[in-house]
Amino acid sequence: MSEVFHDVGGSLGGGFIADTAARAPGPDPERRSYASYASFKDPDGNGWLLQELTERLPGRV
C-alpha cells in the first residue's frame, strides 16, 4: 500500500501523528515543510514513512 497524506491538525514540525483521522489525502496544500508524508511497504513487508522537508527548522543542518 502506498499513501501520500498531510496532517490536518497543523502540527508543523510537531512530528508524525499516527491517528488516521488526522490525515488528509495528498501533500500539504500550503506546502509547509515537515507537513507532508508518504508511506509504503517494501517487498519484504517493512513499512516506510517519508516526510517532506522544503525548509529546515532553525538550528538543523
C-alpha atoms as a PDB file:
ATOM      1  CA  MET A   1       0.000   0.000   0.000  1.00  0.00           C
ATOM      2  CA  SER A   2       1.259   3.449  -0.883  1.00  0.00           C
ATOM      3  CA  GLU A   3      -0.190   6.639   0.586  1.00  0.00           C
ATOM      4  CA  VAL A   4       0.591  10.362   0.356  1.00  0.00           C
ATOM      5  CA  PHE A   5      -1.033  12.469   3.070  1.00  0.00           C
ATOM      6  CA  HIS A   6      -0.732  15.575   5.224  1.00  0.00           C
ATOM      7  CA  ASP A   7      -1.507  16.382   8.843  1.00  0.00           C
ATOM      8  CA  VAL A   8      -4.807  18.272   9.028  1.00  0.00           C
ATOM      9  CA  GLY A   9      -4.065  19.115  12.673  1.00  0.00           C
ATOM     10  CA  GLY A  10      -1.394  21.577  11.547  1.00  0.00           C
ATOM     11  CA  SER A  11       1.362  20.292  13.816  1.00  0.00           C
ATOM     12  CA  LEU A  12       4.103  21.895  11.714  1.00  0.00           C
ATOM     13  CA  GLY A  13       7.295  20.171  12.797  1.00  0.00           C
ATOM     14  CA  GLY A  14       5.404  18.545  15.641  1.00  0.00           C
ATOM     15  CA  GLY A  15       6.112  15.017  14.484  1.00  0.00           C
ATOM     16  CA  PHE A  16       4.145  12.232  12.912  1.00  0.00           C
ATOM     17  CA  ILE A  17       0.559  11.715  14.034  1.00  0.00           C
ATOM     18  CA  ALA A  18      -0.365   8.045  13.805  1.00  0.00           C
ATOM     19  CA  ASP A  19      -4.119   8.643  14.080  1.00  0.00           C
ATOM     20  CA  THR A  20      -5.568   8.189  10.594  1.00  0.00           C
ATOM     21  CA  ALA A  21      -8.394  10.622  11.467  1.00  0.00           C
ATOM     22  CA  ALA A  22      -5.791  13.441  11.443  1.00  0.00           C
ATOM     23  CA  ARG A  23      -4.674  12.597   7.891  1.00  0.00           C
ATOM     24  CA  ALA A  24      -5.925  14.073   4.630  1.00  0.00           C
ATOM     25  CA  PRO A  25      -5.021  12.726   1.187  1.00  0.00           C
ATOM     26  CA  GLY A  26      -2.341  14.433  -0.883  1.00  0.00           C
ATOM     27  CA  PRO A  27       0.500  16.782   0.047  1.00  0.00           C
ATOM     28  CA  ASP A  28       0.006  19.722   2.404  1.00  0.00           C
ATOM     29  CA  PRO A  29      -1.930  22.383   0.432  1.00  0.00           C
ATOM     30  CA  GLU A  30       0.359  25.145   1.732  1.00  0.00           C
ATOM     31  CA  ARG A  31       3.464  23.012   1.017  1.00  0.00           C
ATOM     32  CA  ARG A  32       4.730  23.670   4.559  1.00  0.00           C
ATOM     33  CA  SER A  33       7.939  21.942   5.454  1.00  0.00           C
ATOM     34  CA  TYR A  34       7.556  18.860   7.676  1.00  0.00           C
ATOM     35  CA  ALA A  35       3.787  18.670   6.942  1.00  0.00           C
ATOM     36  CA  SER A  36       3.557  16.174   4.031  1.00  0.00           C
ATOM     37  CA  TYR A  37       4.184  12.450   4.316  1.00  0.00           C
ATOM     38  CA  ALA A  38       4.298   9.351   2.142  1.00  0.00           C
ATOM     39  CA  SER A  39       4.153   5.785   3.382  1.00  0.00           C
ATOM     40  CA  PHE A  40       4.653   2.423   1.700  1.00  0.00           C
ATOM     41  CA  LYS A  41       5.676  -1.179   2.341  1.00  0.00           C
ATOM     42  CA  ASP A  42       8.652  -2.731   0.582  1.00  0.00           C
ATOM     43  CA  PRO A  43       8.564  -6.273  -0.883  1.00  0.00           C
ATOM     44  CA  ASP A  44       9.781  -7.706   2.444  1.00  0.00           C
ATOM     45  CA  GLY A  45       6.824  -6.145   4.272  1.00  0.00           C
ATOM     46  CA  ASN A  46       8.800  -3.386   6.019  1.00  0.00           C
ATOM     47  CA  GLY A  47       6.815  -0.178   6.493  1.00  0.00           C
ATOM     48  CA  TRP A  48       8.436   3.113   5.458  1.00  0.00           C
ATOM     49  CA  LEU A  49       7.385   6.684   6.273  1.00  0.00           C
ATOM     50  CA  LEU A  50       8.881   9.632   4.389  1.00  0.00           C
ATOM     51  CA  GLN A  51       8.488  13.248   5.458  1.00  0.00           C
ATOM     52  CA  GLU A  52       8.854  16.166   3.024  1.00  0.00           C
ATOM     53  CA  LEU A  53      11.230  18.943   4.081  1.00  0.00           C
ATOM     54  CA  THR A  54      11.097  22.069   1.955  1.00  0.00           C
ATOM     55  CA  GLU A  55      12.918  24.233   4.506  1.00  0.00           C
ATOM     56  CA  ARG A  56      14.841  23.070   7.565  1.00  0.00           C
ATOM     57  CA  LEU A  57      13.888  24.263  11.037  1.00  0.00           C
ATOM     58  CA  PRO A  58      16.339  26.757  12.617  1.00  0.00           C
ATOM     59  CA  GLY A  59      19.398  25.031  14.063  1.00  0.00           C
ATOM     60  CA  ARG A  60      19.066  21.915  11.888  1.00  0.00           C
ATOM     61  CA  VAL A  61      21.844  21.009   9.489  1.00  0.00           C
END
